[in-house]
Amino acid sequence: MIFAGLSANDVENWKVFGYWGSVMVVKTLGMVLLIGRWRHTKK
């Protein structure tokens, strides 16, 4: 296993990091889509 050399705390930190990382990606994509749609409809 990859987690064999990691402590439980390290695994928890990676879970939190992965969760917030995916949240930020979704927010960023949502903003890009909203701005793109707004610019498209404004023309």
N, C-alpha and C. Protein backbone atom coordinates (compact mmCIF):
# COMPACT_ATOMS: atom_id res chain seq x y z
N MET A 1 0.83 -1.21 0.00
CA MET A 1 0.00 0.00 0.00
C MET A 1 0.86 1.26 0.00
N ILE A 2 0.34 2.30 -0.58
CA ILE A 2 1.07 3.57 -0.61
C ILE A 2 1.12 4.18 0.79
N PHE A 3 0.05 3.97 1.57
CA PHE A 3 -0.05 4.61 2.89
C PHE A 3 0.73 3.86 3.98
N ALA A 4 1.48 2.83 3.57
CA ALA A 4 2.18 2.01 4.57
C ALA A 4 3.15 2.86 5.39
N GLY A 5 3.87 3.80 4.74
CA GLY A 5 4.86 4.61 5.45
C GLY A 5 4.30 5.89 6.03
N LEU A 6 3.00 6.11 5.89
CA LEU A 6 2.40 7.34 6.39
C LEU A 6 1.64 7.08 7.68
N SER A 7 1.59 8.09 8.52
CA SER A 7 0.80 7.97 9.75
C SER A 7 -0.65 8.30 9.44
N ALA A 8 -1.53 8.02 10.39
CA ALA A 8 -2.96 8.29 10.18
C ALA A 8 -3.18 9.79 9.96
N ASN A 9 -2.39 10.60 10.64
CA ASN A 9 -2.54 12.06 10.51
C ASN A 9 -2.20 12.50 9.09
N ASP A 10 -1.15 11.92 8.50
CA ASP A 10 -0.78 12.26 7.13
C ASP A 10 -1.91 11.90 6.16
N VAL A 11 -2.52 10.74 6.38
CA VAL A 11 -3.62 10.31 5.51
C VAL A 11 -4.78 11.28 5.62
N GLU A 12 -5.09 11.71 6.84
CA GLU A 12 -6.19 12.67 7.03
C GLU A 12 -5.87 13.98 6.34
N ASN A 13 -4.63 14.43 6.44
CA ASN A 13 -4.24 15.68 5.79
C ASN A 13 -4.42 15.58 4.27
N TRP A 14 -4.06 14.42 3.70
CA TRP A 14 -4.22 14.25 2.26
C TRP A 14 -5.69 14.23 1.87
N LYS A 15 -6.55 13.64 2.73
CA LYS A 15 -7.99 13.63 2.44
C LYS A 15 -8.53 15.06 2.40
N VAL A 16 -8.15 15.85 3.41
CA VAL A 16 -8.62 17.24 3.46
C VAL A 16 -8.09 18.02 2.27
N PHE A 17 -6.80 17.83 1.95
CA PHE A 17 -6.19 18.55 0.83
C PHE A 17 -6.89 18.19 -0.48
N GLY A 18 -7.15 16.90 -0.68
CA GLY A 18 -7.82 16.47 -1.91
C GLY A 18 -9.23 17.03 -2.00
N TYR A 19 -9.93 17.06 -0.85
CA TYR A 19 -11.30 17.59 -0.84
C TYR A 19 -11.32 19.06 -1.20
N TRP A 20 -10.50 19.86 -0.52
CA TRP A 20 -10.50 21.31 -0.81
C TRP A 20 -9.94 21.59 -2.19
N GLY A 21 -8.99 20.78 -2.64
CA GLY A 21 -8.45 20.98 -3.99
C GLY A 21 -9.54 20.78 -5.04
N SER A 22 -10.36 19.74 -4.88
CA SER A 22 -11.44 19.50 -5.84
C SER A 22 -12.49 20.59 -5.74
N VAL A 23 -12.76 21.09 -4.54
CA VAL A 23 -13.73 22.18 -4.38
C VAL A 23 -13.25 23.43 -5.12
N MET A 24 -11.96 23.75 -4.98
CA MET A 24 -11.42 24.94 -5.64
C MET A 24 -11.47 24.78 -7.16
N VAL A 25 -11.20 23.57 -7.66
CA VAL A 25 -11.25 23.33 -9.11
C VAL A 25 -12.66 23.54 -9.62
N VAL A 26 -13.65 23.01 -8.89
CA VAL A 26 -15.05 23.16 -9.31
C VAL A 26 -15.44 24.63 -9.29
N LYS A 27 -15.04 25.37 -8.25
CA LYS A 27 -15.38 26.80 -8.17
C LYS A 27 -14.74 27.56 -9.32
N THR A 28 -13.47 27.24 -9.61
CA THR A 28 -12.78 27.94 -10.68
C THR A 28 -13.45 27.67 -12.03
N LEU A 29 -13.79 26.41 -12.29
CA LEU A 29 -14.46 26.07 -13.54
C LEU A 29 -15.81 26.77 -13.63
N GLY A 30 -16.53 26.81 -12.51
CA GLY A 30 -17.83 27.48 -12.50
C GLY A 30 -17.70 28.96 -12.82
N MET A 31 -16.70 29.61 -12.25
CA MET A 31 -16.49 31.03 -12.53
C MET A 31 -16.14 31.25 -13.99
N VAL A 32 -15.27 30.40 -14.55
CA VAL A 32 -14.89 30.53 -15.96
C VAL A 32 -16.11 30.37 -16.85
N LEU A 33 -16.95 29.39 -16.54
CA LEU A 33 -18.15 29.16 -17.35
C LEU A 33 -19.11 30.34 -17.24
N LEU A 34 -19.28 30.86 -16.03
CA LEU A 34 -20.20 32.00 -15.84
C LEU A 34 -19.70 33.22 -16.59
N ILE A 35 -18.40 33.52 -16.48
CA ILE A 35 -17.84 34.69 -17.16
C ILE A 35 -17.94 34.51 -18.68
N GLY A 36 -17.63 33.30 -19.15
CA GLY A 36 -17.72 33.05 -20.59
C GLY A 36 -19.14 33.21 -21.10
N ARG A 37 -20.11 32.70 -20.35
CA ARG A 37 -21.51 32.81 -20.74
C ARG A 37 -21.96 34.27 -20.69
N TRP A 38 -21.51 35.01 -19.66
CA TRP A 38 -21.89 36.42 -19.52
C TRP A 38 -21.34 37.23 -20.69
N ARG A 39 -20.07 36.98 -21.05
CA ARG A 39 -19.47 37.71 -22.17
C ARG A 39 -20.19 37.37 -23.47
N HIS A 40 -20.57 36.09 -23.60
CA HIS A 40 -21.23 35.66 -24.83
C HIS A 40 -22.60 36.31 -24.98
N THR A 41 -23.34 36.41 -23.89
CA THR A 41 -24.68 36.98 -23.95
C THR A 41 -24.63 38.50 -24.04
N LYS A 42 -23.54 39.11 -23.57
CA LYS A 42 -23.42 40.58 -23.59
C LYS A 42 -23.22 41.09 -25.01
N LYS A 43 -22.61 40.28 -25.89
CA LYS A 43 -22.31 40.72 -27.25
C LYS A 43 -23.56 40.93 -28.09
